[in-house]
Amino acid sequence: MIDKAEGQGVCKYVNGDKYEGEWKQDLRWGWGKQIFSDGDVYEGEWKNNAMDGNGRYTYADNSYFQGNFSEGMQVSGKYSSADGSLEYDGRWKGQMRHGQGTFHISGAYKYTGSWFENARHGKGKCVYSDGASYDGEWQNDER
C-alpha cells in the first residue's frame, strides 16, 4: 500500500509555494489556501489538484478575483484592481472577459454587455463619464 495524503495538511513546495488545506489521494481537494512564492494567494475550493469551485485569488499588488473556478480557470466572478478604480463582474474564459459582464473604469466609462476574448463584442451599452452613452452593437472593441 502506498501512503497518500488524506484529510488536513500542509505542504511546502521547493519553489517556495505553500498549501494548507484538505487533501484526497495526495491531491489538493476540498477547501484550502495556497500562498505562491510571488506573493499571490488563493483561498477556496480545490478539486483534482486545481482551483475548482468558489474562491478568491488575491494578487501580490492587492488586486483580486473572487468567484467561480473550473479546472484552475476563472469562469464567473468579479475582478477589482487594488484601488478599486477598475472592476469587471461577469463571465470569463481563462483570464479574459468573455460572455456577459460589466466593466467599469472610474472617471472613464461603464460598459454592460457582451464580451469576446477581452473585447466588447455584440450587444452592449457604454455610459461615459461625461454623460454620453452608446447602446448598440460592438465588434472587436469598436462601436
C-alpha atoms as a PDB file:
ATOM      1  CA  MET A   1       0.000   0.000   0.000  1.00  0.00           C
ATOM      2  CA  ILE A   2       1.335   3.432  -0.966  1.00  0.00           C
ATOM      3  CA  ASP A   3       0.907   6.269   1.529  1.00  0.00           C
ATOM      4  CA  LYS A   4      -1.118   9.194   0.213  1.00  0.00           C
ATOM      5  CA  ALA A   5      -2.050  12.478   1.876  1.00  0.00           C
ATOM      6  CA  GLU A   6      -5.647  12.445   3.181  1.00  0.00           C
ATOM      7  CA  GLY A   7      -7.565  14.964   5.283  1.00  0.00           C
ATOM      8  CA  GLN A   8      -5.985  18.201   6.542  1.00  0.00           C
ATOM      9  CA  GLY A   9      -2.354  19.011   5.929  1.00  0.00           C
ATOM     10  CA  VAL A  10       0.361  21.446   4.919  1.00  0.00           C
ATOM     11  CA  CYS A  11       2.764  21.149   2.015  1.00  0.00           C
ATOM     12  CA  LYS A  12       5.756  23.421   1.408  1.00  0.00           C
ATOM     13  CA  TYR A  13       6.974  23.207  -2.181  1.00  0.00           C
ATOM     14  CA  VAL A  14      10.552  23.528  -3.414  1.00  0.00           C
ATOM     15  CA  ASN A  15       9.639  26.681  -5.399  1.00  0.00           C
ATOM     16  CA  GLY A  16       8.522  28.467  -2.191  1.00  0.00           C
ATOM     17  CA  ASP A  17       4.753  27.920  -2.565  1.00  0.00           C
ATOM     18  CA  LYS A  18       2.826  26.685   0.475  1.00  0.00           C
ATOM     19  CA  TYR A  19      -0.549  24.906   0.566  1.00  0.00           C
ATOM     20  CA  GLU A  20      -2.607  24.371   3.691  1.00  0.00           C
ATOM     21  CA  GLY A  21      -5.918  22.589   3.491  1.00  0.00           C
ATOM     22  CA  GLU A  22      -7.704  19.415   2.548  1.00  0.00           C
ATOM     23  CA  TRP A  23      -6.184  16.503   0.634  1.00  0.00           C
ATOM     24  CA  LYS A  24      -7.615  13.468  -1.122  1.00  0.00           C
ATOM     25  CA  GLN A  25      -5.396  10.733  -2.562  1.00  0.00           C
ATOM     26  CA  ASP A  26      -2.345  13.081  -2.493  1.00  0.00           C
ATOM     27  CA  LEU A  27      -4.250  15.815  -4.364  1.00  0.00           C
ATOM     28  CA  ARG A  28      -5.422  19.212  -3.150  1.00  0.00           C
ATOM     29  CA  TRP A  29      -9.152  18.540  -2.850  1.00  0.00           C
ATOM     30  CA  GLY A  30     -11.715  20.419  -0.742  1.00  0.00           C
ATOM     31  CA  TRP A  31     -11.068  23.761   0.975  1.00  0.00           C
ATOM     32  CA  GLY A  32      -7.546  25.120   1.035  1.00  0.00           C
ATOM     33  CA  LYS A  33      -5.218  28.092   0.865  1.00  0.00           C
ATOM     34  CA  GLN A  34      -2.183  28.343  -1.370  1.00  0.00           C
ATOM     35  CA  ILE A  35       0.391  31.071  -0.883  1.00  0.00           C
ATOM     36  CA  PHE A  36       2.509  31.411  -4.009  1.00  0.00           C
ATOM     37  CA  SER A  37       6.164  32.408  -3.896  1.00  0.00           C
ATOM     38  CA  ASP A  38       5.398  35.575  -5.924  1.00  0.00           C
ATOM     39  CA  GLY A  39       3.029  36.841  -3.194  1.00  0.00           C
ATOM     40  CA  ASP A  40      -0.265  35.785  -4.821  1.00  0.00           C
ATOM     41  CA  VAL A  41      -2.743  33.917  -2.585  1.00  0.00           C
ATOM     42  CA  TYR A  42      -5.680  31.659  -3.468  1.00  0.00           C
ATOM     43  CA  GLU A  43      -8.183  30.568  -0.855  1.00  0.00           C
ATOM     44  CA  GLY A  44     -11.137  28.461  -1.810  1.00  0.00           C
ATOM     45  CA  GLU A  45     -12.265  25.144  -3.206  1.00  0.00           C
ATOM     46  CA  TRP A  46      -9.956  22.655  -4.907  1.00  0.00           C
ATOM     47  CA  LYS A  47     -10.689  19.569  -6.947  1.00  0.00           C
ATOM     48  CA  ASN A  48      -8.198  17.182  -8.512  1.00  0.00           C
ATOM     49  CA  ASN A  49      -5.263  19.474  -7.611  1.00  0.00           C
ATOM     50  CA  ALA A  50      -6.791  22.550  -9.335  1.00  0.00           C
ATOM     51  CA  MET A  51      -8.746  25.597  -8.186  1.00  0.00           C
ATOM     52  CA  ASP A  52     -12.313  24.438  -8.754  1.00  0.00           C
ATOM     53  CA  GLY A  53     -15.460  25.931  -7.240  1.00  0.00           C
ATOM     54  CA  ASN A  54     -15.802  29.136  -5.248  1.00  0.00           C
ATOM     55  CA  GLY A  55     -12.676  31.035  -4.251  1.00  0.00           C
ATOM     56  CA  ARG A  56     -10.714  34.258  -4.039  1.00  0.00           C
ATOM     57  CA  TYR A  57      -7.413  34.835  -5.822  1.00  0.00           C
ATOM     58  CA  THR A  58      -5.567  37.863  -4.444  1.00  0.00           C
ATOM     59  CA  TYR A  59      -2.613  39.108  -6.467  1.00  0.00           C
ATOM     60  CA  ALA A  60       0.576  40.430  -4.859  1.00  0.00           C
ATOM     61  CA  ASP A  61      -0.472  44.006  -5.788  1.00  0.00           C
ATOM     62  CA  ASN A  62      -3.731  43.501  -3.780  1.00  0.00           C
ATOM     63  CA  SER A  63      -5.999  43.318  -6.830  1.00  0.00           C
ATOM     64  CA  TYR A  64      -8.252  40.277  -6.706  1.00  0.00           C
ATOM     65  CA  PHE A  65     -10.645  37.938  -8.459  1.00  0.00           C
ATOM     66  CA  GLN A  66     -13.490  36.425  -6.464  1.00  0.00           C
ATOM     67  CA  GLY A  67     -15.868  33.938  -7.982  1.00  0.00           C
ATOM     68  CA  ASN A  68     -16.050  30.518  -9.580  1.00  0.00           C
ATOM     69  CA  PHE A  69     -13.197  28.477 -10.993  1.00  0.00           C
ATOM     70  CA  SER A  70     -13.243  25.328 -13.097  1.00  0.00           C
ATOM     71  CA  GLU A  71     -10.137  23.197 -13.605  1.00  0.00           C
ATOM     72  CA  GLY A  72      -7.945  26.102 -12.499  1.00  0.00           C
ATOM     73  CA  MET A  73      -9.549  28.716 -14.765  1.00  0.00           C
ATOM     74  CA  GLN A  74     -11.781  31.692 -13.897  1.00  0.00           C
ATOM     75  CA  VAL A  75     -15.377  31.089 -15.043  1.00  0.00           C
ATOM     76  CA  SER A  76     -17.521  33.801 -13.471  1.00  0.00           C
ATOM     77  CA  GLY A  77     -16.989  36.467 -10.872  1.00  0.00           C
ATOM     78  CA  LYS A  78     -15.540  39.838 -10.064  1.00  0.00           C
ATOM     79  CA  TYR A  79     -12.070  41.266 -10.668  1.00  0.00           C
ATOM     80  CA  SER A  80     -11.106  44.506  -8.917  1.00  0.00           C
ATOM     81  CA  SER A  81      -7.869  46.474  -9.096  1.00  0.00           C
ATOM     82  CA  ALA A  82      -6.190  47.169  -5.766  1.00  0.00           C
ATOM     83  CA  ASP A  83      -7.512  50.742  -5.631  1.00  0.00           C
ATOM     84  CA  GLY A  84     -10.963  49.773  -6.942  1.00  0.00           C
ATOM     85  CA  SER A  85     -10.718  52.085  -9.949  1.00  0.00           C
ATOM     86  CA  LEU A  86     -11.112  49.187 -12.402  1.00  0.00           C
ATOM     87  CA  GLU A  87     -13.709  46.448 -11.976  1.00  0.00           C
ATOM     88  CA  TYR A  88     -15.194  43.683 -14.077  1.00  0.00           C
ATOM     89  CA  ASP A  89     -18.026  41.444 -12.943  1.00  0.00           C
ATOM     90  CA  GLY A  90     -19.196  38.712 -15.280  1.00  0.00           C
ATOM     91  CA  ARG A  91     -18.193  35.680 -17.308  1.00  0.00           C
ATOM     92  CA  TRP A  92     -14.587  34.726 -18.060  1.00  0.00           C
ATOM     93  CA  LYS A  93     -12.701  32.460 -20.412  1.00  0.00           C
ATOM     94  CA  GLY A  94      -9.429  31.845 -18.631  1.00  0.00           C
ATOM     95  CA  GLN A  95      -8.147  35.306 -17.761  1.00  0.00           C
ATOM     96  CA  MET A  96     -10.179  37.053 -20.471  1.00  0.00           C
ATOM     97  CA  ARG A  97     -13.543  38.805 -20.206  1.00  0.00           C
ATOM     98  CA  HIS A  98     -15.796  36.569 -22.289  1.00  0.00           C
ATOM     99  CA  GLY A  99     -19.613  36.388 -22.302  1.00  0.00           C
ATOM    100  CA  GLN A 100     -21.868  38.808 -20.417  1.00  0.00           C
ATOM    101  CA  GLY A 101     -20.364  41.263 -17.972  1.00  0.00           C
ATOM    102  CA  THR A 102     -19.985  44.782 -16.645  1.00  0.00           C
ATOM    103  CA  PHE A 103     -16.670  46.629 -16.883  1.00  0.00           C
ATOM    104  CA  HIS A 104     -16.113  49.919 -15.066  1.00  0.00           C
ATOM    105  CA  ILE A 105     -13.158  52.297 -15.094  1.00  0.00           C
ATOM    106  CA  SER A 106     -13.671  55.160 -12.625  1.00  0.00           C
ATOM    107  CA  GLY A 107     -13.719  58.517 -14.347  1.00  0.00           C
ATOM    108  CA  ALA A 108     -13.905  56.969 -17.829  1.00  0.00           C
ATOM    109  CA  TYR A 109     -16.849  54.666 -18.592  1.00  0.00           C
ATOM    110  CA  LYS A 110     -19.058  51.762 -17.591  1.00  0.00           C
ATOM    111  CA  TYR A 111     -19.869  49.091 -20.175  1.00  0.00           C
ATOM    112  CA  THR A 112     -22.501  46.390 -19.698  1.00  0.00           C
ATOM    113  CA  GLY A 113     -22.948  43.778 -22.386  1.00  0.00           C
ATOM    114  CA  SER A 114     -21.246  41.055 -24.405  1.00  0.00           C
ATOM    115  CA  TRP A 115     -17.528  40.322 -24.454  1.00  0.00           C
ATOM    116  CA  PHE A 116     -15.410  38.164 -26.720  1.00  0.00           C
ATOM    117  CA  GLU A 117     -11.835  37.429 -25.619  1.00  0.00           C
ATOM    118  CA  ASN A 118     -11.396  40.731 -23.714  1.00  0.00           C
ATOM    119  CA  ALA A 119     -13.080  42.893 -26.386  1.00  0.00           C
ATOM    120  CA  ARG A 120     -16.554  44.436 -26.309  1.00  0.00           C
ATOM    121  CA  HIS A 121     -18.350  42.395 -28.939  1.00  0.00           C
ATOM    122  CA  GLY A 122     -22.087  42.020 -29.552  1.00  0.00           C
ATOM    123  CA  LYS A 123     -24.849  43.983 -27.857  1.00  0.00           C
ATOM    124  CA  GLY A 124     -23.826  46.364 -25.115  1.00  0.00           C
ATOM    125  CA  LYS A 125     -24.294  49.735 -23.508  1.00  0.00           C
ATOM    126  CA  CYS A 126     -21.486  52.105 -22.613  1.00  0.00           C
ATOM    127  CA  VAL A 127     -22.040  55.158 -20.427  1.00  0.00           C
ATOM    128  CA  TYR A 128     -19.145  57.615 -20.424  1.00  0.00           C
ATOM    129  CA  SER A 129     -18.116  59.854 -17.522  1.00  0.00           C
ATOM    130  CA  ASP A 130     -19.270  62.968 -19.419  1.00  0.00           C
ATOM    131  CA  GLY A 131     -22.834  61.571 -19.537  1.00  0.00           C
ATOM    132  CA  ALA A 132     -22.747  60.490 -23.192  1.00  0.00           C
ATOM    133  CA  SER A 133     -23.780  56.918 -23.937  1.00  0.00           C
ATOM    134  CA  TYR A 134     -23.943  54.340 -26.702  1.00  0.00           C
ATOM    135  CA  ASP A 135     -26.347  51.408 -26.706  1.00  0.00           C
ATOM    136  CA  GLY A 136     -25.944  49.063 -29.643  1.00  0.00           C
ATOM    137  CA  GLU A 137     -23.684  46.622 -31.436  1.00  0.00           C
ATOM    138  CA  TRP A 138     -19.927  46.349 -30.832  1.00  0.00           C
ATOM    139  CA  GLN A 139     -17.352  44.492 -32.867  1.00  0.00           C
ATOM    140  CA  ASN A 140     -13.817  43.840 -31.726  1.00  0.00           C
ATOM    141  CA  ASP A 141     -13.998  46.655 -29.125  1.00  0.00           C
ATOM    142  CA  GLU A 142     -15.320  49.184 -31.690  1.00  0.00           C
ATOM    143  CA  ARG A 143     -18.851  50.550 -31.960  1.00  0.00           C
END
